[in-house]
Protein backbone atom coordinates (compact mmCIF):
# COMPACT_ATOMS: atom_id res chain seq x y z
CA MET A 1 145.11 150.29 87.57
CA SER A 2 145.16 147.84 90.16
CA SER A 3 147.38 145.44 87.57
CA GLU A 4 149.53 149.13 87.33
CA ARG A 5 150.28 148.96 91.56
CA GLU A 6 151.02 146.46 94.59
CA ILE A 7 148.27 146.41 96.83
CA LEU A 8 149.35 145.48 100.12
CA THR A 9 145.48 145.53 102.35
CA TYR A 10 146.02 144.86 105.92
CA ASP A 11 145.35 141.53 105.81
CA LEU A 12 148.21 140.94 104.11
CA PHE A 13 151.00 143.60 106.60
CA GLY A 14 149.17 140.84 108.95
CA THR A 15 151.00 138.07 107.19
CA ALA A 16 154.00 139.64 105.35
CA THR A 17 154.65 141.29 109.66
CA ARG A 18 154.70 137.13 110.81
CA GLU A 19 156.17 135.87 107.40
CA LEU A 20 158.86 138.83 108.25
CA ALA A 21 159.17 137.55 111.46
CA ARG A 22 159.76 133.77 111.65
CA GLU A 23 162.52 134.20 108.43
CA VAL A 24 164.52 136.78 111.22
CA ALA A 25 163.61 134.46 113.47
CA ASP A 26 164.58 130.85 111.96
CA SER A 27 168.34 133.47 110.71
CA GLY A 28 168.90 133.56 114.62
CA PHE A 29 169.30 136.80 114.52
CA ARG A 30 167.56 137.90 118.09
CA PRO A 31 167.62 141.76 117.69
CA ASP A 32 167.62 144.46 120.93
CA ILE A 33 166.33 146.81 119.69
CA ILE A 34 164.03 147.01 116.94
CA LEU A 35 164.31 150.76 115.25
CA ALA A 36 161.25 151.33 113.18
CA ILE A 37 161.87 154.27 110.25
CA ALA A 38 158.51 156.49 110.96
CA ARG A 39 156.55 157.10 109.55
CA GLY A 40 155.87 153.47 107.32
CA GLY A 41 158.11 151.61 109.47
CA LEU A 42 155.89 152.04 112.44
CA ALA A 43 153.43 149.54 112.10
CA LEU A 44 155.84 147.21 110.91
CA GLY A 45 158.35 147.49 113.86
CA MET A 46 155.12 147.67 116.46
CA GLY A 47 154.37 144.19 114.80
CA LEU A 48 157.72 142.31 114.64
CA GLY A 49 158.26 143.51 118.16
CA TYR A 50 155.56 141.37 119.24
CA ALA A 51 156.38 138.60 117.30
CA LEU A 52 160.30 138.95 117.84
CA ALA A 53 159.11 138.98 121.19
CA VAL A 54 161.13 142.34 121.15
CA LYS A 55 159.88 145.23 123.71
CA ASN A 56 162.73 147.76 123.47
CA ILE A 57 161.52 149.29 120.07
CA SER A 58 162.69 153.51 118.95
CA VAL A 59 162.13 155.82 116.10
CA VAL A 60 163.48 157.43 114.08
CA ASN A 61 161.84 160.04 112.18
CA VAL A 62 163.42 160.63 108.28
CA GLU A 63 162.42 163.08 105.81
CA PHE A 64 162.78 162.07 102.34
CA TYR A 65 159.58 161.89 100.36
CA THR A 66 157.32 164.59 99.86
CA GLY A 67 154.62 163.26 98.33
CA VAL A 68 153.66 160.89 95.43
CA ASP A 69 157.51 160.04 93.75
CA GLN A 70 158.71 164.12 95.25
CA ARG A 71 161.86 163.95 97.28
CA LEU A 72 164.10 165.84 98.15
CA GLU A 73 167.42 165.67 97.23
CA VAL A 74 168.56 163.61 99.98
CA PRO A 75 166.62 162.15 103.31
CA ILE A 76 167.63 163.83 106.27
CA MET A 77 167.50 162.49 109.84
CA LEU A 78 164.62 164.89 111.95
CA PRO A 79 164.65 164.84 115.63
CA PRO A 80 164.64 163.53 118.29
CA THR A 81 166.75 160.76 116.98
CA PRO A 82 168.57 157.73 119.30
CA ALA A 83 171.94 159.32 120.38
CA ALA A 84 174.29 156.93 119.28
CA ILE A 85 175.24 155.64 122.45
CA GLU A 86 172.28 153.97 122.84
CA LEU A 87 172.13 151.73 120.64
CA SER A 88 176.40 150.97 122.06
CA GLY A 89 176.79 147.39 122.09
CA LEU A 90 172.96 146.22 120.88
CA LYS A 91 171.93 143.96 118.26
CA VAL A 92 169.51 146.28 115.92
CA LEU A 93 167.14 145.62 113.45
CA VAL A 94 165.94 148.53 111.06
CA ALA A 95 162.76 148.22 110.14
CA ASP A 96 160.91 150.44 106.91
CA ASP A 97 157.91 149.55 105.30
CA VAL A 98 160.04 150.08 101.24
CA ALA A 99 163.40 149.78 100.22
CA ASP A 100 162.22 152.16 96.93
CA THR A 101 165.55 153.94 96.42
CA GLY A 102 166.72 152.89 99.37
CA ARG A 103 168.57 156.39 100.82
CA THR A 104 166.00 156.02 103.57
CA LEU A 105 167.35 152.99 104.86
CA GLU A 106 170.83 153.59 103.95
CA LEU A 107 171.11 156.65 106.19
CA VAL A 108 169.47 155.02 109.27
CA HIS A 109 172.05 151.58 108.39
CA ALA A 110 175.06 154.13 108.52
CA PHE A 111 173.81 155.31 111.64
CA CYS A 112 173.77 152.61 113.46
CA GLU A 113 177.14 151.42 111.99
CA GLY A 114 180.27 151.59 114.00
CA HIS A 115 178.76 152.38 117.09
CA VAL A 116 175.82 148.99 117.17
CA ALA A 117 177.28 145.22 118.14
CA GLU A 118 175.43 144.70 114.91
CA VAL A 119 172.62 145.62 112.58
CA ARG A 120 170.17 144.46 109.93
CA THR A 121 167.67 145.75 108.21
CA VAL A 122 163.84 144.55 106.99
CA VAL A 123 161.39 146.00 104.38
CA ILE A 124 157.93 144.67 103.42
CA TYR A 125 158.97 145.87 99.89
CA GLU A 126 162.15 145.95 97.94
CA LYS A 127 162.55 148.12 94.80
CA PRO A 128 165.00 146.60 92.16
CA GLN A 129 167.16 150.00 92.18
CA SER A 130 167.13 150.29 96.21
CA VAL A 131 170.78 151.21 96.72
CA ILE A 132 170.74 149.11 99.50
CA LYS A 133 169.57 145.30 99.39
CA PRO A 134 167.47 144.64 102.67
CA ASP A 135 168.70 141.81 104.63
CA TYR A 136 165.27 140.66 105.08
CA SER A 137 161.88 141.51 102.30
CA TRP A 138 158.94 139.86 101.69
CA ARG A 139 158.16 140.66 98.45
CA SER A 140 160.43 142.51 95.50
CA THR A 141 158.40 144.38 93.03
CA GLU A 142 158.75 147.37 90.29
CA ARG A 143 155.54 148.50 90.76
CA TRP A 144 153.64 152.15 92.63
CA ILE A 145 152.77 150.45 96.02
CA ASP A 146 149.11 151.04 97.86
CA PHE A 147 150.00 151.15 101.67
CA PRO A 148 146.76 150.39 103.55
CA TRP A 149 147.77 153.33 106.11
CA SER A 150 148.58 155.67 103.03
CA VAL A 151 146.09 155.29 100.23
CA LEU A 152 143.28 157.08 101.25
CA PRO A 153 143.65 160.60 101.99
CA PRO A 154 143.78 163.12 105.54
CA VAL A 155 140.36 163.08 106.93
CA VAL A 156 141.66 166.28 108.22
CA ASP A 157 142.95 169.36 105.32
CA PRO A 158 146.81 168.79 106.33
CA ASP A 159 146.91 172.46 105.17
CA ALA A 160 145.13 173.65 108.40
CA LEU A 161 147.47 171.60 110.65
CA ALA A 162 150.13 173.50 112.34
CA HIS A 163 153.40 172.59 111.75
C-alpha cells in the first residue's frame, strides 16, 4: 500500500517547511502576512511564519473535501473570513498542504487578487491536474498523500460531536 501513496512524516514535514521557506526567501518575496487555508494549511502557515519571521498569520476556512476523494461541487469559504480590506496593500502568501484539484487555492487566490499588493501561493504537494500552479511547492505527485495529521482516525466519535 505504501508504494501507492505518498507518505509525509512529521520529520519530512519539518524538512519540507524549511525548504519551502528557503525557496520563498531566495525568490526575494517578503510576505507581510501568511494566509493559511484551514485545516491542511495551518501547520505549514505556522511553520513558514517562524521560518520567514512573519508574525502576521491569518486563517481562511474553506470547505471542499467531505471525505476521502469526496468533495462538494465547488469550494466555499466559511466564516469567519478575513475582510479583503484588512489585506489591502499587503504582500500575501497563501499556504495549503496540497494543490490537488487546485480549486481551493484558486478560490483564495481570487479572493485576494485585486485587493492586495501581491499574492503568491505555497503548498507542500502539487498534483499535475491542479487548475492553479502554485508559486512554490515542495514536491509534485500523482499519488494519494498520507499526511501525518490526518492519516489516523479521530480520537473522538465525529458523529457524536455537536456542530
